[in-house]
């Protein structure tokens, strides 16, 4: 089996830039913190831009969210904003 694109993975535990450039997010592993909250994934390299995905987090619970098909295309990079305690590992393919 061959990979169509370069696959990248990045872990963050606070709001910030995950990856710059045009990518497709294919999956996210989320670990909930001490409080429930959510994570916004923004099509940008900063906290201002269009939110393309919001994932709710559950207290001290974790799980992998696989995005079907080609995933979600972020044209300008992926910036995550944490609203509550959690951290996330993303899997994305560079285009």
N, C-alpha and C. Protein backbone atom coordinates (compact mmCIF):
# COMPACT_ATOMS: atom_id res chain seq x y z
N UNK A 1 0.84 -1.17 0.00
CA UNK A 1 0.00 0.00 0.00
C UNK A 1 0.89 1.23 0.00
N UNK A 2 0.57 2.20 -0.82
CA UNK A 2 1.37 3.41 -0.89
C UNK A 2 0.63 4.58 -0.26
N UNK A 3 1.41 5.55 0.19
CA UNK A 3 0.85 6.77 0.77
C UNK A 3 0.77 7.80 -0.33
N UNK A 4 -0.39 8.46 -0.46
CA UNK A 4 -0.58 9.46 -1.50
C UNK A 4 0.15 10.75 -1.21
N UNK A 5 0.27 11.10 0.07
CA UNK A 5 0.87 12.37 0.48
C UNK A 5 1.73 12.14 1.70
N UNK A 6 2.56 13.14 2.00
CA UNK A 6 3.32 13.10 3.24
C UNK A 6 2.36 13.22 4.41
N UNK A 7 2.51 12.36 5.41
CA UNK A 7 1.66 12.38 6.58
C UNK A 7 2.43 13.02 7.72
N UNK A 8 1.79 13.97 8.40
CA UNK A 8 2.42 14.66 9.52
C UNK A 8 1.60 14.42 10.77
N UNK A 9 2.27 14.46 11.90
CA UNK A 9 1.60 14.34 13.19
C UNK A 9 2.19 15.39 14.11
N UNK A 10 1.34 16.02 14.90
CA UNK A 10 1.82 17.04 15.82
C UNK A 10 0.96 17.03 17.06
N UNK A 11 1.58 17.13 18.21
CA UNK A 11 0.85 17.14 19.48
C UNK A 11 0.96 18.51 20.12
N UNK A 12 -0.19 19.01 20.60
CA UNK A 12 -0.20 20.29 21.32
C UNK A 12 -1.02 20.14 22.59
N UNK A 13 -0.68 20.91 23.60
CA UNK A 13 -1.44 20.86 24.85
C UNK A 13 -1.92 22.24 25.29
N UNK A 14 -1.84 23.19 24.37
CA UNK A 14 -2.35 24.54 24.60
C UNK A 14 -2.68 25.13 23.24
N UNK A 15 -3.47 26.17 23.22
CA UNK A 15 -3.84 26.80 21.95
C UNK A 15 -2.59 27.16 21.17
N UNK A 16 -2.63 26.90 19.85
CA UNK A 16 -1.48 27.24 19.04
C UNK A 16 -1.55 26.66 17.65
N UNK A 17 -0.54 26.99 16.87
CA UNK A 17 -0.43 26.53 15.48
C UNK A 17 -0.03 25.05 15.47
N UNK A 18 -0.78 24.26 14.73
CA UNK A 18 -0.46 22.84 14.58
C UNK A 18 0.43 22.64 13.37
N UNK A 19 0.01 23.19 12.25
CA UNK A 19 0.80 23.05 11.02
C UNK A 19 0.43 24.20 10.08
N UNK A 20 1.37 24.68 9.30
CA UNK A 20 1.10 25.74 8.33
C UNK A 20 0.99 25.14 6.94
N UNK A 21 0.46 25.91 6.03
CA UNK A 21 0.31 25.45 4.66
C UNK A 21 -1.02 24.75 4.44
N UNK A 22 -1.21 24.25 3.25
CA UNK A 22 -2.43 23.55 2.88
C UNK A 22 -2.32 22.09 3.29
N UNK A 23 -3.25 21.65 4.13
CA UNK A 23 -3.26 20.26 4.61
C UNK A 23 -4.70 19.76 4.70
N UNK A 24 -4.83 18.46 4.79
CA UNK A 24 -6.11 17.82 5.08
C UNK A 24 -5.96 17.10 6.40
N UNK A 25 -6.77 17.48 7.37
CA UNK A 25 -6.75 16.81 8.66
C UNK A 25 -7.57 15.53 8.50
N UNK A 26 -6.93 14.40 8.79
CA UNK A 26 -7.56 13.10 8.61
C UNK A 26 -8.04 12.50 9.92
N UNK A 27 -7.46 12.92 11.04
CA UNK A 27 -7.86 12.39 12.32
C UNK A 27 -7.27 13.20 13.45
N UNK A 28 -7.89 13.07 14.62
CA UNK A 28 -7.45 13.79 15.81
C UNK A 28 -7.59 12.85 17.01
N UNK A 29 -6.53 12.76 17.80
CA UNK A 29 -6.60 12.03 19.07
C UNK A 29 -6.71 13.07 20.17
N UNK A 30 -7.77 13.00 20.95
CA UNK A 30 -8.05 14.00 21.97
C UNK A 30 -8.00 13.35 23.34
N UNK A 31 -7.31 14.00 24.27
CA UNK A 31 -7.28 13.58 25.67
C UNK A 31 -7.90 14.69 26.49
N UNK A 32 -8.99 14.35 27.20
CA UNK A 32 -9.66 15.33 28.03
C UNK A 32 -8.86 15.66 29.28
N UNK A 33 -8.96 16.88 29.73
CA UNK A 33 -8.25 17.32 30.92
C UNK A 33 -9.13 17.24 32.15
N UNK A 34 -8.85 18.08 33.12
CA UNK A 34 -9.57 18.08 34.39
C UNK A 34 -10.97 18.66 34.26
N UNK A 35 -11.21 19.42 33.19
CA UNK A 35 -12.54 19.99 32.96
C UNK A 35 -12.98 19.69 31.53
N UNK A 36 -14.28 19.59 31.33
CA UNK A 36 -14.81 19.40 29.98
C UNK A 36 -14.66 20.70 29.21
N UNK A 37 -14.61 20.59 27.92
CA UNK A 37 -14.47 21.79 27.09
C UNK A 37 -14.62 21.44 25.63
N UNK A 38 -13.88 22.15 24.79
CA UNK A 38 -13.91 21.89 23.36
C UNK A 38 -12.61 22.39 22.73
N UNK A 39 -12.37 21.93 21.52
CA UNK A 39 -11.21 22.37 20.74
C UNK A 39 -11.74 22.84 19.39
N UNK A 40 -11.41 24.08 19.03
CA UNK A 40 -11.76 24.61 17.71
C UNK A 40 -10.54 24.49 16.80
N UNK A 41 -10.74 23.96 15.61
CA UNK A 41 -9.68 23.87 14.61
C UNK A 41 -9.97 24.92 13.55
N UNK A 42 -9.06 25.88 13.42
CA UNK A 42 -9.26 27.09 12.62
C UNK A 42 -8.39 27.04 11.37
N UNK A 43 -8.96 27.43 10.24
CA UNK A 43 -8.23 27.50 8.98
C UNK A 43 -7.41 28.78 8.96
N UNK A 44 -6.24 28.74 9.64
CA UNK A 44 -5.42 29.94 9.79
C UNK A 44 -4.12 29.56 10.49
N UNK A 45 -3.17 30.48 10.52
CA UNK A 45 -1.96 30.30 11.32
C UNK A 45 -2.05 31.10 12.62
N UNK A 46 -3.20 31.75 12.84
CA UNK A 46 -3.44 32.50 14.07
C UNK A 46 -4.82 32.13 14.61
N UNK A 47 -5.18 32.73 15.72
CA UNK A 47 -6.47 32.40 16.33
C UNK A 47 -7.66 33.04 15.62
N UNK A 48 -7.40 33.88 14.62
CA UNK A 48 -8.49 34.47 13.85
C UNK A 48 -8.59 33.77 12.51
N UNK A 49 -9.78 33.37 12.14
CA UNK A 49 -10.01 32.66 10.89
C UNK A 49 -11.30 31.89 10.99
N UNK A 50 -11.53 31.03 10.04
CA UNK A 50 -12.76 30.25 9.98
C UNK A 50 -12.60 28.94 10.73
N UNK A 51 -13.51 28.69 11.68
CA UNK A 51 -13.51 27.42 12.40
C UNK A 51 -14.11 26.37 11.48
N UNK A 52 -13.32 25.32 11.18
CA UNK A 52 -13.80 24.26 10.31
C UNK A 52 -14.21 23.01 11.07
N UNK A 53 -13.76 22.90 12.34
CA UNK A 53 -14.09 21.72 13.13
C UNK A 53 -14.06 22.09 14.61
N UNK A 54 -15.07 21.66 15.35
CA UNK A 54 -15.09 21.81 16.80
C UNK A 54 -15.33 20.43 17.40
N UNK A 55 -14.45 20.04 18.32
CA UNK A 55 -14.60 18.76 19.02
C UNK A 55 -14.82 19.03 20.50
N UNK A 56 -15.85 18.44 21.06
CA UNK A 56 -16.08 18.53 22.50
C UNK A 56 -15.17 17.55 23.22
N UNK A 57 -14.70 17.95 24.40
CA UNK A 57 -13.86 17.07 25.20
C UNK A 57 -14.60 16.68 26.46
N UNK A 58 -14.28 15.48 26.94
CA UNK A 58 -14.91 14.94 28.14
C UNK A 58 -13.83 14.83 29.22
N UNK A 59 -14.20 15.06 30.46
CA UNK A 59 -13.25 15.04 31.57
C UNK A 59 -12.51 13.70 31.62
N UNK A 60 -11.19 13.78 31.63
CA UNK A 60 -10.26 12.64 31.75
C UNK A 60 -10.62 11.45 30.87
N UNK A 61 -11.15 11.71 29.69
CA UNK A 61 -11.46 10.65 28.75
C UNK A 61 -10.68 10.95 27.47
N UNK A 62 -10.39 9.92 26.70
CA UNK A 62 -9.65 10.13 25.47
C UNK A 62 -10.28 9.33 24.34
N UNK A 63 -9.96 9.71 23.12
CA UNK A 63 -10.48 8.99 21.98
C UNK A 63 -9.94 9.54 20.68
N UNK A 64 -9.98 8.69 19.65
CA UNK A 64 -9.50 9.06 18.33
C UNK A 64 -10.70 9.37 17.45
N UNK A 65 -10.67 10.52 16.81
CA UNK A 65 -11.73 10.93 15.89
C UNK A 65 -11.17 10.80 14.49
N UNK A 66 -11.67 9.83 13.74
CA UNK A 66 -11.26 9.63 12.36
C UNK A 66 -12.22 10.39 11.47
N UNK A 67 -11.70 11.28 10.64
CA UNK A 67 -12.54 12.08 9.74
C UNK A 67 -12.69 11.32 8.43
N UNK A 68 -13.91 11.04 8.00
CA UNK A 68 -14.13 10.18 6.84
C UNK A 68 -13.69 10.81 5.53
N UNK A 69 -13.58 9.97 4.53
CA UNK A 69 -13.23 10.43 3.19
C UNK A 69 -11.86 11.06 3.14
N UNK A 70 -11.79 12.22 2.54
CA UNK A 70 -10.53 12.94 2.41
C UNK A 70 -10.23 13.84 3.60
N UNK A 71 -11.01 13.74 4.68
CA UNK A 71 -10.80 14.59 5.83
C UNK A 71 -11.30 16.00 5.58
N UNK A 72 -10.74 16.95 6.32
CA UNK A 72 -11.13 18.36 6.17
C UNK A 72 -9.93 19.14 5.64
N UNK A 73 -10.14 19.86 4.55
CA UNK A 73 -9.07 20.64 3.94
C UNK A 73 -8.94 21.99 4.63
N UNK A 74 -7.74 22.28 5.09
CA UNK A 74 -7.37 23.57 5.66
C UNK A 74 -6.40 24.22 4.67
N UNK A 75 -6.80 25.30 4.05
CA UNK A 75 -5.99 25.95 3.01
C UNK A 75 -4.89 26.83 3.56
N UNK A 76 -5.04 27.32 4.81
CA UNK A 76 -4.12 28.31 5.36
C UNK A 76 -3.37 27.84 6.60
N UNK A 77 -3.38 26.56 6.87
CA UNK A 77 -2.78 26.04 8.09
C UNK A 77 -3.87 25.66 9.08
N UNK A 78 -3.44 25.04 10.19
CA UNK A 78 -4.39 24.62 11.22
C UNK A 78 -3.95 25.20 12.55
N UNK A 79 -4.82 26.00 13.14
CA UNK A 79 -4.59 26.58 14.46
C UNK A 79 -5.67 26.02 15.37
N UNK A 80 -5.30 25.56 16.55
CA UNK A 80 -6.26 25.00 17.50
C UNK A 80 -6.41 25.92 18.69
N UNK A 81 -7.65 26.15 19.08
CA UNK A 81 -7.96 26.93 20.27
C UNK A 81 -8.63 26.01 21.28
N UNK A 82 -8.04 25.90 22.47
CA UNK A 82 -8.57 25.04 23.52
C UNK A 82 -9.51 25.85 24.41
N UNK A 83 -10.68 25.32 24.62
CA UNK A 83 -11.68 25.93 25.49
C UNK A 83 -11.95 24.93 26.62
N UNK A 84 -11.10 24.90 27.60
CA UNK A 84 -11.16 23.89 28.65
C UNK A 84 -9.91 23.04 28.59
N UNK A 85 -9.76 22.12 29.51
CA UNK A 85 -8.53 21.33 29.59
C UNK A 85 -8.53 20.14 28.66
N UNK A 86 -7.51 20.02 27.83
CA UNK A 86 -7.36 18.88 26.93
C UNK A 86 -6.05 19.03 26.17
N UNK A 87 -5.67 17.95 25.48
CA UNK A 87 -4.63 18.11 24.48
C UNK A 87 -4.98 17.25 23.29
N UNK A 88 -4.36 17.52 22.16
CA UNK A 88 -4.73 16.82 20.94
C UNK A 88 -3.50 16.48 20.12
N UNK A 89 -3.56 15.34 19.44
CA UNK A 89 -2.58 14.95 18.44
C UNK A 89 -3.31 14.87 17.12
N UNK A 90 -2.84 15.57 16.11
CA UNK A 90 -3.50 15.54 14.81
C UNK A 90 -2.70 14.73 13.82
N UNK A 91 -3.39 14.13 12.88
CA UNK A 91 -2.76 13.45 11.76
C UNK A 91 -3.24 14.17 10.51
N UNK A 92 -2.31 14.70 9.74
CA UNK A 92 -2.70 15.45 8.55
C UNK A 92 -1.81 15.06 7.38
N UNK A 93 -2.33 15.29 6.19
CA UNK A 93 -1.58 15.04 4.96
C UNK A 93 -1.34 16.37 4.27
N UNK A 94 -0.09 16.59 3.89
CA UNK A 94 0.29 17.85 3.25
C UNK A 94 -0.05 17.79 1.78
N UNK A 95 -0.58 18.90 1.26
CA UNK A 95 -0.92 18.98 -0.17
C UNK A 95 -0.08 20.04 -0.84
